[in-house]
Amino acid sequence: MRQDCKHFQSRTYPSGDTMRKCALDLAPEAPWRCPADCGRFEVRMADVNWRHGSLITPPTPDAPESIGDDPSIASLLDEAEDIINAAVPDVRAEVDAEQAEIRRKAGRKRPKWWPFGS
């Protein structure tokens, strides 16, 4: 991936695993590569007001041999993302209902100062 792109993001977890992604979700084969003709590529000018430690982003692991120029990879990942996004409203409604039930059983109401309903 183009680490000099404005939209590149990286995070290293305590386990040592590193997440690399495009903030605009335009790199279907992340973390190995961005599209060669990405129209949204912008050079990262400066990281204003960020503190940088002595650690660097670990090298990207070798790409699997299955990564290639096959456009079906991106379409498969898009379909998987659509399935997950379709499930989110239902899951959110279930969680909200469970939390409301817990609050009802506990007999607790929101504080008077709470601005978002009762």
Protein backbone atom coordinates (compact mmCIF):
# COMPACT_ATOMS: atom_id res chain seq x y z
CA MET A 1 0.00 0.00 0.00
CA ARG A 2 1.06 3.56 -0.51
CA GLN A 3 2.07 4.65 2.96
CA ASP A 4 2.67 8.17 1.66
CA CYS A 5 -1.03 8.56 0.76
CA LYS A 6 -3.15 10.94 2.80
CA HIS A 7 -5.81 8.23 3.20
CA PHE A 8 -3.50 5.42 4.39
CA GLN A 9 -4.11 4.38 8.01
CA SER A 10 -2.16 1.95 10.14
CA ARG A 11 -2.57 0.70 13.69
CA THR A 12 -0.49 -1.81 15.61
CA TYR A 13 -2.24 -3.75 18.38
CA PRO A 14 -0.63 -5.00 21.62
CA SER A 15 -0.52 -8.51 20.14
CA GLY A 16 1.79 -7.22 17.42
CA ASP A 17 -0.80 -7.50 14.66
CA THR A 18 -0.94 -4.48 12.39
CA MET A 19 -4.00 -3.19 10.55
CA ARG A 20 -3.37 -1.28 7.32
CA LYS A 21 -6.19 0.20 5.30
CA CYS A 22 -7.42 2.94 3.05
CA ALA A 23 -9.63 5.33 5.02
CA LEU A 24 -11.81 5.73 1.92
CA ASP A 25 -12.20 1.95 1.48
CA LEU A 26 -10.78 2.15 -2.03
CA ALA A 27 -8.12 -0.57 -1.69
CA PRO A 28 -9.90 -3.93 -2.04
CA GLU A 29 -6.61 -5.81 -1.80
CA ALA A 30 -5.41 -4.07 1.38
CA PRO A 31 -2.93 -4.36 3.02
CA TRP A 32 -0.92 -5.53 0.01
CA ARG A 33 -1.67 -2.89 -2.57
CA CYS A 34 -3.77 0.03 -3.66
CA PRO A 35 -5.31 0.26 -7.12
CA ALA A 36 -2.65 1.41 -9.59
CA ASP A 37 -4.90 4.12 -10.99
CA CYS A 38 -6.52 5.31 -7.75
CA GLY A 39 -8.09 8.68 -8.48
CA ARG A 40 -8.14 9.68 -4.81
CA PHE A 41 -4.40 9.27 -4.15
CA GLU A 42 -3.06 12.37 -2.41
CA VAL A 43 0.44 12.75 -1.03
CA ARG A 44 0.49 13.06 2.75
CA MET A 45 1.80 16.57 3.27
CA ALA A 46 2.33 16.64 7.02
CA ASP A 47 1.08 15.04 10.19
CA VAL A 48 0.12 18.20 12.02
CA ASN A 49 0.15 18.03 15.82
CA TRP A 50 0.89 14.30 15.95
CA ARG A 51 3.53 12.80 18.18
CA HIS A 52 5.63 10.13 16.54
CA GLY A 53 7.36 7.56 18.67
CA SER A 54 10.46 5.62 17.83
CA LEU A 55 8.47 2.65 16.51
CA ILE A 56 7.84 2.22 12.82
CA THR A 57 5.10 0.33 11.04
CA PRO A 58 6.16 -3.31 10.72
CA PRO A 59 6.75 -4.45 7.15
CA THR A 60 3.69 -5.67 5.29
CA PRO A 61 3.57 -9.46 5.12
CA ASP A 62 4.09 -11.07 1.73
CA ALA A 63 0.97 -11.09 -0.40
CA PRO A 64 -0.70 -14.46 -0.87
CA GLU A 65 -0.23 -16.00 -4.29
CA SER A 66 -4.00 -15.73 -4.82
CA ILE A 67 -3.74 -11.93 -5.02
CA GLY A 68 -3.69 -10.90 -8.63
CA ASP A 69 -5.44 -8.76 -11.17
CA ASP A 70 -8.69 -10.73 -10.91
CA PRO A 71 -11.56 -8.22 -10.48
CA SER A 72 -13.68 -10.91 -8.81
CA ILE A 73 -11.64 -10.40 -5.60
CA ALA A 74 -12.95 -6.86 -5.16
CA SER A 75 -16.51 -7.87 -6.04
CA LEU A 76 -16.42 -10.75 -3.54
CA LEU A 77 -15.21 -8.42 -0.78
CA ASP A 78 -17.88 -5.86 -1.72
CA GLU A 79 -20.58 -8.54 -1.48
CA ALA A 80 -19.31 -9.60 1.95
CA GLU A 81 -19.32 -5.98 3.10
CA ASP A 82 -22.90 -5.54 1.82
CA ILE A 83 -24.03 -8.59 3.83
CA ILE A 84 -22.49 -7.21 7.01
CA ASN A 85 -23.89 -3.72 6.42
CA ALA A 86 -27.36 -5.17 5.84
CA ALA A 87 -27.25 -6.95 9.21
CA VAL A 88 -26.17 -3.89 11.22
CA PRO A 89 -29.62 -2.24 11.67
CA ASP A 90 -31.18 -5.49 12.93
CA VAL A 91 -28.33 -6.17 15.35
CA ARG A 92 -28.42 -2.58 16.58
CA ALA A 93 -32.19 -2.83 17.18
CA GLU A 94 -31.69 -6.06 19.16
CA VAL A 95 -28.98 -4.48 21.32
CA ASP A 96 -31.10 -1.37 21.94
CA ALA A 97 -34.09 -3.56 22.91
CA GLU A 98 -31.95 -5.60 25.31
CA GLN A 99 -30.55 -2.47 26.93
CA ALA A 100 -34.02 -0.96 27.26
CA GLU A 101 -35.24 -4.16 28.91
CA ILE A 102 -32.31 -4.15 31.32
CA ARG A 103 -33.04 -0.52 32.25
CA ARG A 104 -36.75 -1.31 32.65
CA LYS A 105 -36.05 -4.27 34.95
CA ALA A 106 -33.65 -2.19 36.99
CA GLY A 107 -36.27 0.55 37.29
CA ARG A 108 -33.74 3.14 36.31
CA LYS A 109 -34.60 6.13 34.27
CA ARG A 110 -32.16 8.43 32.62
CA PRO A 111 -31.04 11.46 34.63
CA LYS A 112 -33.17 14.60 34.30
CA TRP A 113 -30.33 16.36 32.51
CA TRP A 114 -30.18 13.66 29.76
CA PRO A 115 -31.03 15.49 26.51
CA PHE A 116 -32.07 12.49 24.41
CA GLY A 117 -35.51 11.46 25.61
CA SER A 118 -36.42 9.43 28.64
